[in-house]
Amino acid sequence: LNSKQVQWRYVRGHAGNVGNERCDTIARAFSLGKVP
């Protein structure tokens, strides 16, 4: 699926980045059996 179209970026987790924090909330909810 990867291509030159995709520019991969690293973002530090739990550092206040809105996009990263939202993904973490969704992922954790699913891991706990919840439906976000």
Full PDB file with SEQRES, HELIX, SHEET, SSBOND, CRYST1, ORIGX, SCALE, CONECT and MASTER records, all heavy atoms in Angstrom:
SEQRES   1 A   36  LEU ASN SER LYS GLN VAL GLN TRP ARG TYR VAL ARG GLY          
SEQRES   2 A   36  HIS ALA GLY ASN VAL GLY ASN GLU ARG CYS ASP THR ILE          
SEQRES   3 A   36  ALA ARG ALA PHE SER LEU GLY LYS VAL PRO                      
HELIX    1 AA1 VAL A   18  SER A   31  1                                  14    
CRYST1    1.000    1.000    1.000  90.00  90.00  90.00 P 1           1          
ORIGX1      1.000000  0.000000  0.000000        0.00000                         
ORIGX2      0.000000  1.000000  0.000000        0.00000                         
ORIGX3      0.000000  0.000000  1.000000        0.00000                         
SCALE1      1.000000  0.000000  0.000000        0.00000                         
SCALE2      0.000000  1.000000  0.000000        0.00000                         
SCALE3      0.000000  0.000000  1.000000        0.00000                         
ATOM      1  N   LEU A   1       0.810  -1.213   0.000  1.00  0.00           N  
ATOM      2  CA  LEU A   1       0.000   0.000   0.000  1.00  0.00           C  
ATOM      3  C   LEU A   1       0.848   1.271   0.000  1.00  0.00           C  
ATOM      4  O   LEU A   1       0.382   2.343  -0.385  1.00  0.00           O  
ATOM      5  CB  LEU A   1      -0.910   0.023   1.232  1.00  0.00           C  
ATOM      6  CG  LEU A   1      -2.038  -1.003   1.267  1.00  0.00           C  
ATOM      7  CD1 LEU A   1      -2.638  -1.074   2.670  1.00  0.00           C  
ATOM      8  CD2 LEU A   1      -3.104  -0.667   0.244  1.00  0.00           C  
ATOM      9  N   ASN A   2       2.094   1.143   0.421  1.00  0.00           N  
ATOM     10  CA  ASN A   2       2.949   2.314   0.546  1.00  0.00           C  
ATOM     11  C   ASN A   2       3.425   2.799  -0.826  1.00  0.00           C  
ATOM     12  O   ASN A   2       3.531   2.024  -1.777  1.00  0.00           O  
ATOM     13  CB  ASN A   2       4.166   1.968   1.406  1.00  0.00           C  
ATOM     14  CG  ASN A   2       4.969   3.183   1.787  1.00  0.00           C  
ATOM     15  OD1 ASN A   2       4.419   4.267   2.001  1.00  0.00           O  
ATOM     16  ND2 ASN A   2       6.284   3.026   1.883  1.00  0.00           N  
ATOM     17  N   SER A   3       3.693   4.099  -0.911  1.00  0.00           N  
ATOM     18  CA  SER A   3       4.199   4.690  -2.154  1.00  0.00           C  
ATOM     19  C   SER A   3       4.886   6.014  -1.834  1.00  0.00           C  
ATOM     20  O   SER A   3       4.858   6.489  -0.688  1.00  0.00           O  
ATOM     21  CB  SER A   3       3.056   4.929  -3.144  1.00  0.00           C  
ATOM     22  OG  SER A   3       2.229   5.990  -2.691  1.00  0.00           O  
ATOM     23  N   LYS A   4       5.482   6.626  -2.850  1.00  0.00           N  
ATOM     24  CA  LYS A   4       6.127   7.930  -2.669  1.00  0.00           C  
ATOM     25  C   LYS A   4       5.104   9.013  -2.347  1.00  0.00           C  
ATOM     26  O   LYS A   4       5.470  10.105  -1.923  1.00  0.00           O  
ATOM     27  CB  LYS A   4       6.918   8.293  -3.908  1.00  0.00           C  
ATOM     28  CG  LYS A   4       8.119   7.388  -4.160  1.00  0.00           C  
ATOM     29  CD  LYS A   4       8.886   7.815  -5.391  1.00  0.00           C  
ATOM     30  CE  LYS A   4      10.100   6.912  -5.619  1.00  0.00           C  
ATOM     31  NZ  LYS A   4      10.866   7.300  -6.840  1.00  0.00           N  
ATOM     32  N   GLN A   5       3.833   8.703  -2.557  1.00  0.00           N  
ATOM     33  CA  GLN A   5       2.765   9.645  -2.240  1.00  0.00           C  
ATOM     34  C   GLN A   5       2.664   9.884  -0.741  1.00  0.00           C  
ATOM     35  O   GLN A   5       2.216  10.940  -0.293  1.00  0.00           O  
ATOM     36  CB  GLN A   5       1.434   9.089  -2.758  1.00  0.00           C  
ATOM     37  CG  GLN A   5       0.215   9.933  -2.456  1.00  0.00           C  
ATOM     38  CD  GLN A   5      -1.075   9.236  -2.855  1.00  0.00           C  
ATOM     39  OE1 GLN A   5      -1.062   8.069  -3.266  1.00  0.00           O  
ATOM     40  NE2 GLN A   5      -2.193   9.929  -2.756  1.00  0.00           N  
ATOM     41  N   VAL A   6       3.108   8.899   0.042  1.00  0.00           N  
ATOM     42  CA  VAL A   6       2.984   8.951   1.499  1.00  0.00           C  
ATOM     43  C   VAL A   6       4.280   9.463   2.125  1.00  0.00           C  
ATOM     44  O   VAL A   6       5.348   8.882   1.930  1.00  0.00           O  
ATOM     45  CB  VAL A   6       2.655   7.562   2.075  1.00  0.00           C  
ATOM     46  CG1 VAL A   6       2.468   7.644   3.590  1.00  0.00           C  
ATOM     47  CG2 VAL A   6       1.422   6.983   1.403  1.00  0.00           C  
ATOM     48  N   GLN A   7       4.175  10.546   2.843  1.00  0.00           N  
ATOM     49  CA  GLN A   7       5.315  11.105   3.562  1.00  0.00           C  
ATOM     50  C   GLN A   7       5.179  10.715   5.032  1.00  0.00           C  
ATOM     51  O   GLN A   7       4.311  11.229   5.748  1.00  0.00           O  
ATOM     52  CB  GLN A   7       5.344  12.628   3.401  1.00  0.00           C  
ATOM     53  CG  GLN A   7       5.455  13.077   1.950  1.00  0.00           C  
ATOM     54  CD  GLN A   7       5.298  14.572   1.775  1.00  0.00           C  
ATOM     55  OE1 GLN A   7       5.151  15.321   2.748  1.00  0.00           O  
ATOM     56  NE2 GLN A   7       5.311  15.032   0.524  1.00  0.00           N  
ATOM     57  N   TRP A   8       6.010   9.784   5.460  1.00  0.00           N  
ATOM     58  CA  TRP A   8       5.917   9.260   6.815  1.00  0.00           C  
ATOM     59  C   TRP A   8       6.538  10.226   7.808  1.00  0.00           C  
ATOM     60  O   TRP A   8       7.629  10.731   7.619  1.00  0.00           O  
ATOM     61  CB  TRP A   8       6.611   7.899   6.898  1.00  0.00           C  
ATOM     62  CG  TRP A   8       5.890   6.836   6.132  1.00  0.00           C  
ATOM     63  CD1 TRP A   8       6.008   6.549   4.803  1.00  0.00           C  
ATOM     64  CD2 TRP A   8       4.924   5.928   6.661  1.00  0.00           C  
ATOM     65  NE1 TRP A   8       5.172   5.510   4.462  1.00  0.00           N  
ATOM     66  CE2 TRP A   8       4.494   5.108   5.582  1.00  0.00           C  
ATOM     67  CE3 TRP A   8       4.381   5.709   7.929  1.00  0.00           C  
ATOM     68  CZ2 TRP A   8       3.544   4.094   5.748  1.00  0.00           C  
ATOM     69  CZ3 TRP A   8       3.442   4.699   8.089  1.00  0.00           C  
ATOM     70  CH2 TRP A   8       3.033   3.909   7.012  1.00  0.00           C  
ATOM     71  N   ARG A   9       5.814  10.471   8.896  1.00  0.00           N  
ATOM     72  CA  ARG A   9       6.262  11.390   9.933  1.00  0.00           C  
ATOM     73  C   ARG A   9       6.142  10.718  11.306  1.00  0.00           C  
ATOM     74  O   ARG A   9       5.179  10.001  11.578  1.00  0.00           O  
ATOM     75  CB  ARG A   9       5.415  12.663   9.932  1.00  0.00           C  
ATOM     76  CG  ARG A   9       5.409  13.418   8.609  1.00  0.00           C  
ATOM     77  CD  ARG A   9       6.671  14.244   8.435  1.00  0.00           C  
ATOM     78  NE  ARG A   9       6.590  15.118   7.285  1.00  0.00           N  
ATOM     79  CZ  ARG A   9       7.137  14.850   6.102  1.00  0.00           C  
ATOM     80  NH1 ARG A   9       7.785  13.702   5.914  1.00  0.00           N  
ATOM     81  NH2 ARG A   9       7.040  15.706   5.104  1.00  0.00           N  
ATOM     82  N   TYR A  10       7.117  10.980  12.163  1.00  0.00           N  
ATOM     83  CA  TYR A  10       7.042  10.498  13.541  1.00  0.00           C  
ATOM     84  C   TYR A  10       6.533  11.621  14.431  1.00  0.00           C  
ATOM     85  O   TYR A  10       6.974  12.770  14.322  1.00  0.00           O  
ATOM     86  CB  TYR A  10       8.414  10.046  14.029  1.00  0.00           C  
ATOM     87  CG  TYR A  10       8.439   9.706  15.509  1.00  0.00           C  
ATOM     88  CD1 TYR A  10       7.869   8.520  15.977  1.00  0.00           C  
ATOM     89  CD2 TYR A  10       9.001  10.582  16.438  1.00  0.00           C  
ATOM     90  CE1 TYR A  10       7.864   8.213  17.328  1.00  0.00           C  
ATOM     91  CE2 TYR A  10       9.006  10.281  17.787  1.00  0.00           C  
ATOM     92  CZ  TYR A  10       8.435   9.098  18.228  1.00  0.00           C  
ATOM     93  OH  TYR A  10       8.425   8.803  19.569  1.00  0.00           O  
ATOM     94  N   VAL A  11       5.582  11.293  15.297  1.00  0.00           N  
ATOM     95  CA  VAL A  11       5.079  12.248  16.269  1.00  0.00           C  
ATOM     96  C   VAL A  11       5.195  11.608  17.651  1.00  0.00           C  
ATOM     97  O   VAL A  11       4.857  10.429  17.836  1.00  0.00           O  
ATOM     98  CB  VAL A  11       3.611  12.646  15.972  1.00  0.00           C  
ATOM     99  CG1 VAL A  11       2.688  11.423  15.973  1.00  0.00           C  
ATOM    100  CG2 VAL A  11       3.115  13.676  16.979  1.00  0.00           C  
ATOM    101  N   ARG A  12       5.693  12.347  18.600  1.00  0.00           N  
ATOM    102  CA  ARG A  12       5.840  11.805  19.955  1.00  0.00           C  
ATOM    103  C   ARG A  12       4.464  11.585  20.576  1.00  0.00           C  
ATOM    104  O   ARG A  12       3.603  12.468  20.552  1.00  0.00           O  
ATOM    105  CB  ARG A  12       6.669  12.752  20.829  1.00  0.00           C  
ATOM    106  CG  ARG A  12       6.959  12.218  22.228  1.00  0.00           C  
ATOM    107  CD  ARG A  12       7.819  13.192  23.008  1.00  0.00           C  
ATOM    108  NE  ARG A  12       9.116  13.370  22.377  1.00  0.00           N  
ATOM    109  CZ  ARG A  12      10.151  12.547  22.539  1.00  0.00           C  
ATOM    110  NH1 ARG A  12      10.014  11.471  23.306  1.00  0.00           N  
ATOM    111  NH2 ARG A  12      11.296  12.792  21.948  1.00  0.00           N  
ATOM    112  N   GLY A  13       4.255  10.405  21.132  1.00  0.00           N  
ATOM    113  CA  GLY A  13       2.975  10.083  21.742  1.00  0.00           C  
ATOM    114  C   GLY A  13       2.781  10.772  23.075  1.00  0.00           C  
ATOM    115  O   GLY A  13       3.745  11.069  23.792  1.00  0.00           O  
ATOM    116  N   HIS A  14       1.522  11.048  23.404  1.00  0.00           N  
ATOM    117  CA  HIS A  14       1.150  11.633  24.696  1.00  0.00           C  
ATOM    118  C   HIS A  14       1.873  12.959  24.952  1.00  0.00           C  
ATOM    119  O   HIS A  14       2.285  13.257  26.077  1.00  0.00           O  
ATOM    120  CB  HIS A  14       1.444  10.656  25.831  1.00  0.00           C  
ATOM    121  CG  HIS A  14       0.893   9.282  25.596  1.00  0.00           C  
ATOM    122  ND1 HIS A  14      -0.461   9.020  25.576  1.00  0.00           N  
ATOM    123  CD2 HIS A  14       1.520   8.103  25.320  1.00  0.00           C  
ATOM    124  CE1 HIS A  14      -0.645   7.726  25.321  1.00  0.00           C  
ATOM    125  NE2 HIS A  14       0.535   7.154  25.157  1.00  0.00           N  
ATOM    126  N   ALA A  15       2.032  13.750  23.880  1.00  0.00           N  
ATOM    127  CA  ALA A  15       2.718  15.029  24.009  1.00  0.00           C  
ATOM    128  C   ALA A  15       1.801  16.194  23.675  1.00  0.00           C  
ATOM    129  O   ALA A  15       2.259  17.309  23.448  1.00  0.00           O  
ATOM    130  CB  ALA A  15       3.955  15.055  23.112  1.00  0.00           C  
ATOM    131  N   GLY A  16       0.493  15.933  23.633  1.00  0.00           N  
ATOM    132  CA  GLY A  16      -0.458  17.002  23.409  1.00  0.00           C  
ATOM    133  C   GLY A  16      -0.839  17.249  21.965  1.00  0.00           C  
ATOM    134  O   GLY A  16      -1.623  18.162  21.688  1.00  0.00           O  
ATOM    135  N   ASN A  17      -0.313  16.440  21.022  1.00  0.00           N  
ATOM    136  CA  ASN A  17      -0.713  16.594  19.631  1.00  0.00           C  
ATOM    137  C   ASN A  17      -2.158  16.132  19.471  1.00  0.00           C  
ATOM    138  O   ASN A  17      -2.507  15.003  19.827  1.00  0.00           O  
ATOM    139  CB  ASN A  17       0.207  15.769  18.725  1.00  0.00           C  
ATOM    140  CG  ASN A  17      -0.146  15.891  17.258  1.00  0.00           C  
ATOM    141  OD1 ASN A  17      -1.102  15.292  16.793  1.00  0.00           O  
ATOM    142  ND2 ASN A  17       0.639  16.674  16.534  1.00  0.00           N  
ATOM    143  N   VAL A  18      -3.014  16.991  18.933  1.00  0.00           N  
ATOM    144  CA  VAL A  18      -4.455  16.707  18.888  1.00  0.00           C  
ATOM    145  C   VAL A  18      -4.755  15.454  18.089  1.00  0.00           C  
ATOM    146  O   VAL A  18      -5.539  14.591  18.518  1.00  0.00           O  
ATOM    147  CB  VAL A  18      -5.216  17.915  18.293  1.00  0.00           C  
ATOM    148  CG1 VAL A  18      -6.694  17.572  18.114  1.00  0.00           C  
ATOM    149  CG2 VAL A  18      -5.069  19.131  19.198  1.00  0.00           C  
ATOM    150  N   GLY A  19      -4.165  15.312  16.916  1.00  0.00           N  
ATOM    151  CA  GLY A  19      -4.432  14.139  16.085  1.00  0.00           C  
ATOM    152  C   GLY A  19      -3.989  12.857  16.748  1.00  0.00           C  
ATOM    153  O   GLY A  19      -4.710  11.848  16.759  1.00  0.00           O  
ATOM    154  N   ASN A  20      -2.790  12.870  17.325  1.00  0.00           N  
ATOM    155  CA  ASN A  20      -2.269  11.688  17.995  1.00  0.00           C  
ATOM    156  C   ASN A  20      -3.090  11.327  19.221  1.00  0.00           C  
ATOM    157  O   ASN A  20      -3.390  10.145  19.469  1.00  0.00           O  
ATOM    158  CB  ASN A  20      -0.811  11.923  18.386  1.00  0.00           C  
ATOM    159  CG  ASN A  20      -0.233  10.789  19.213  1.00  0.00           C  
ATOM    160  OD1 ASN A  20      -0.107  10.905  20.444  1.00  0.00           O  
ATOM    161  ND2 ASN A  20       0.105   9.701  18.566  1.00  0.00           N  
ATOM    162  N   GLU A  21      -3.473  12.328  19.991  1.00  0.00           N  
ATOM    163  CA  GLU A  21      -4.256  12.065  21.199  1.00  0.00           C  
ATOM    164  C   GLU A  21      -5.623  11.475  20.855  1.00  0.00           C  
ATOM    165  O   GLU A  21      -6.120  10.587  21.552  1.00  0.00           O  
ATOM    166  CB  GLU A  21      -4.433  13.360  22.003  1.00  0.00           C  
ATOM    167  CG  GLU A  21      -3.144  13.937  22.574  1.00  0.00           C  
ATOM    168  CD  GLU A  21      -2.550  13.088  23.693  1.00  0.00           C  
ATOM    169  OE1 GLU A  21      -3.233  12.172  24.189  1.00  0.00           O  
ATOM    170  OE2 GLU A  21      -1.390  13.351  24.067  1.00  0.00           O  
ATOM    171  N   ARG A  22      -6.223  11.964  19.772  1.00  0.00           N  
ATOM    172  CA  ARG A  22      -7.527  11.434  19.368  1.00  0.00           C  
ATOM    173  C   ARG A  22      -7.410   9.983  18.915  1.00  0.00           C  
ATOM    174  O   ARG A  22      -8.241   9.151  19.274  1.00  0.00           O  
ATOM    175  CB  ARG A  22      -8.120  12.298  18.254  1.00  0.00           C  
ATOM    176  CG  ARG A  22      -9.454  11.795  17.718  1.00  0.00           C  
ATOM    177  CD  ARG A  22     -10.492  11.655  18.805  1.00  0.00           C  
ATOM    178  NE  ARG A  22     -11.733  11.095  18.278  1.00  0.00           N  
ATOM    179  CZ  ARG A  22     -12.670  10.506  19.008  1.00  0.00           C  
ATOM    180  NH1 ARG A  22     -12.522  10.387  20.328  1.00  0.00           N  
ATOM    181  NH2 ARG A  22     -13.770  10.042  18.448  1.00  0.00           N  
ATOM    182  N   CYS A  23      -6.367   9.679  18.158  1.00  0.00           N  
ATOM    183  CA  CYS A  23      -6.147   8.286  17.740  1.00  0.00           C  
ATOM    184  C   CYS A  23      -5.957   7.378  18.949  1.00  0.00           C  
ATOM    185  O   CYS A  23      -6.473   6.260  18.989  1.00  0.00           O  
ATOM    186  CB  CYS A  23      -4.918   8.199  16.842  1.00  0.00           C  
ATOM    187  SG  CYS A  23      -5.145   8.792  15.174  1.00  0.00           S  
ATOM    188  N   ASP A  24      -5.212   7.874  19.923  1.00  0.00           N  
ATOM    189  CA  ASP A  24      -4.969   7.094  21.136  1.00  0.00           C  
ATOM    190  C   ASP A  24      -6.276   6.824  21.876  1.00  0.00           C  
ATOM    191  O   ASP A  24      -6.503   5.706  22.368  1.00  0.00           O  
ATOM    192  CB  ASP A  24      -3.995   7.858  22.042  1.00  0.00           C  
ATOM    193  CG  ASP A  24      -3.705   7.118  23.339  1.00  0.00           C  
ATOM    194  OD1 ASP A  24      -3.000   6.095  23.281  1.00  0.00           O  
ATOM    195  OD2 ASP A  24      -4.186   7.561  24.403  1.00  0.00           O  
ATOM    196  N   THR A  25      -7.143   7.813  21.936  1.00  0.00           N  
ATOM    197  CA  THR A  25      -8.434   7.640  22.603  1.00  0.00           C  
ATOM    198  C   THR A  25      -9.262   6.558  21.909  1.00  0.00           C  
ATOM    199  O   THR A  25      -9.871   5.696  22.566  1.00  0.00           O  
ATOM    200  CB  THR A  25      -9.219   8.970  22.607  1.00  0.00           C  
ATOM    201  OG1 THR A  25      -8.498   9.939  23.370  1.00  0.00           O  
ATOM    202  CG2 THR A  25     -10.610   8.787  23.210  1.00  0.00           C  
ATOM    203  N   ILE A  26      -9.298   6.601  20.586  1.00  0.00           N  
ATOM    204  CA  ILE A  26     -10.056   5.605  19.817  1.00  0.00           C  
ATOM    205  C   ILE A  26      -9.467   4.214  20.020  1.00  0.00           C  
ATOM    206  O   ILE A  26     -10.187   3.249  20.299  1.00  0.00           O  
ATOM    207  CB  ILE A  26     -10.048   5.971  18.324  1.00  0.00           C  
ATOM    208  CG1 ILE A  26     -10.803   7.280  18.084  1.00  0.00           C  
ATOM    209  CG2 ILE A  26     -10.677   4.846  17.490  1.00  0.00           C  
ATOM    210  CD1 ILE A  26     -10.649   7.825  16.677  1.00  0.00           C  
ATOM    211  N   ALA A  27      -8.152   4.108  19.883  1.00  0.00           N  
ATOM    212  CA  ALA A  27      -7.494   2.810  19.998  1.00  0.00           C  
ATOM    213  C   ALA A  27      -7.678   2.200  21.388  1.00  0.00           C  
ATOM    214  O   ALA A  27      -7.973   1.005  21.532  1.00  0.00           O  
ATOM    215  CB  ALA A  27      -6.008   2.959  19.679  1.00  0.00           C  
ATOM    216  N   ARG A  28      -7.511   3.015  22.415  1.00  0.00           N  
ATOM    217  CA  ARG A  28      -7.653   2.505  23.785  1.00  0.00           C  
ATOM    218  C   ARG A  28      -9.089   2.060  24.071  1.00  0.00           C  
ATOM    219  O   ARG A  28      -9.316   1.055  24.751  1.00  0.00           O  
ATOM    220  CB  ARG A  28      -7.212   3.575  24.789  1.00  0.00           C  
ATOM    221  CG  ARG A  28      -5.714   3.771  24.838  1.00  0.00           C  
ATOM    222  CD  ARG A  28      -5.297   4.762  25.925  1.00  0.00           C  
ATOM    223  NE  ARG A  28      -3.854   4.897  25.986  1.00  0.00           N  
ATOM    224  CZ  ARG A  28      -3.051   4.080  26.639  1.00  0.00           C  
ATOM    225  NH1 ARG A  28      -3.579   3.047  27.298  1.00  0.00           N  
ATOM    226  NH2 ARG A  28      -1.748   4.264  26.653  1.00  0.00           N  
ATOM    227  N   ALA A  29     -10.040   2.806  23.558  1.00  0.00           N  
ATOM    228  CA  ALA A  29     -11.440   2.421  23.768  1.00  0.00           C  
ATOM    229  C   ALA A  29     -11.710   1.042  23.174  1.00  0.00           C  
ATOM    230  O   ALA A  29     -12.292   0.166  23.822  1.00  0.00           O  
ATOM    231  CB  ALA A  29     -12.366   3.460  23.141  1.00  0.00           C  
ATOM    232  N   PHE A  30     -11.271   0.830  21.948  1.00  0.00           N  
ATOM    233  CA  PHE A  30     -11.475  -0.474  21.311  1.00  0.00           C  
ATOM    234  C   PHE A  30     -10.741  -1.578  22.052  1.00  0.00           C  
ATOM    235  O   PHE A  30     -11.257  -2.695  22.191  1.00  0.00           O  
ATOM    236  CB  PHE A  30     -11.019  -0.436  19.852  1.00  0.00           C  
ATOM    237  CG  PHE A  30     -12.070   0.046  18.890  1.00  0.00           C  
ATOM    238  CD1 PHE A  30     -11.894   1.222  18.185  1.00  0.00           C  
ATOM    239  CD2 PHE A  30     -13.243  -0.684  18.684  1.00  0.00           C  
ATOM    240  CE1 PHE A  30     -12.860   1.672  17.297  1.00  0.00           C  
ATOM    241  CE2 PHE A  30     -14.212  -0.247  17.798  1.00  0.00           C  
ATOM    242  CZ  PHE A  30     -14.014   0.931  17.099  1.00  0.00           C  
ATOM    243  N   SER A  31      -9.545  -1.298  22.553  1.00  0.00           N  
ATOM    244  CA  SER A  31      -8.780  -2.326  23.261  1.00  0.00           C  
ATOM    245  C   SER A  31      -9.457  -2.742  24.565  1.00  0.00           C  
ATOM    246  O   SER A  31      -9.234  -3.852  25.061  1.00  0.00           O  
ATOM    247  CB  SER A  31      -7.362  -1.817  23.561  1.00  0.00           C  
ATOM    248  OG  SER A  31      -7.350  -0.846  24.588  1.00  0.00           O  
ATOM    249  N   LEU A  32     -10.287  -1.850  25.100  1.00  0.00           N  
ATOM    250  CA  LEU A  32     -11.007  -2.136  26.344  1.00  0.00           C  
ATOM    251  C   LEU A  32     -12.413  -2.675  26.094  1.00  0.00           C  
ATOM    252  O   LEU A  32     -13.214  -2.795  27.008  1.00  0.00           O  
ATOM    253  CB  LEU A  32     -11.087  -0.861  27.199  1.00  0.00           C  
ATOM    254  CG  LEU A  32      -9.742  -0.303  27.690  1.00  0.00           C  
ATOM    255  CD1 LEU A  32      -9.935   1.037  28.377  1.00  0.00           C  
ATOM    256  CD2 LEU A  32      -9.062  -1.299  28.629  1.00  0.00           C  
ATOM    257  N   GLY A  33     -12.715  -2.995  24.835  1.00  0.00           N  
ATOM    258  CA  GLY A  33     -14.016  -3.559  24.502  1.00  0.00           C  
ATOM    259  C   GLY A  33     -15.128  -2.543  24.401  1.00  0.00           C  
ATOM    260  O   GLY A  33     -16.307  -2.905  24.392  1.00  0.00           O  
ATOM    261  N   LYS A  34     -14.767  -1.271  24.338  1.00  0.00           N  
ATOM    262  CA  LYS A  34     -15.784  -0.230  24.225  1.00  0.00           C  
ATOM    263  C   LYS A  34     -16.025   0.116  22.759  1.00  0.00           C  
ATOM    264  O   LYS A  34     -15.237  -0.239  21.887  1.00  0.00           O  
ATOM    265  CB  LYS A  34     -15.344   1.018  24.998  1.00  0.00           C  
ATOM    266  CG  LYS A  34     -15.156   0.770  26.494  1.00  0.00           C  
ATOM    267  CD  LYS A  34     -14.672   2.023  27.205  1.00  0.00           C  
ATOM    268  CE  LYS A  34     -14.440   1.765  28.688  1.00  0.00           C  
ATOM    269  NZ  LYS A  34     -13.934   2.980  29.393  1.00  0.00           N  
ATOM    270  N   VAL A  35     -17.111   0.836  22.496  1.00  0.00           N  
ATOM    271  CA  VAL A  35     -17.447   1.256  21.134  1.00  0.00           C  
ATOM    272  C   VAL A  35     -17.403   2.784  21.093  1.00  0.00           C  
ATOM    273  O   VAL A  35     -18.364   3.448  21.453  1.00  0.00           O  
ATOM    274  CB  VAL A  35     -18.846   0.755  20.725  1.00  0.00           C  
ATOM    275  CG1 VAL A  35     -19.139   1.124  19.277  1.00  0.00           C  
ATOM    276  CG2 VAL A  35     -18.950  -0.747  20.930  1.00  0.00           C  
ATOM    277  N   PRO A  36     -16.285   3.363  20.671  1.00  0.00           N  
ATOM    278  CA  PRO A  36     -16.183   4.826  20.663  1.00  0.00           C  
ATOM    279  C   PRO A  36     -17.035   5.451  19.565  1.00  0.00           C  
ATOM    280  O   PRO A  36     -17.315   4.830  18.542  1.00  0.00           O  
ATOM    281  CB  PRO A  36     -14.694   5.065  20.392  1.00  0.00           C  
ATOM    282  CG  PRO A  36     -14.276   3.867  19.600  1.00  0.00           C  
ATOM    283  CD  PRO A  36     -15.068   2.717  20.166  1.00  0.00           C  
TER     284      PRO A  36                                                      
MASTER        0    0    0    1    0    0    0    6  283    1    0    3          
END                                                                             
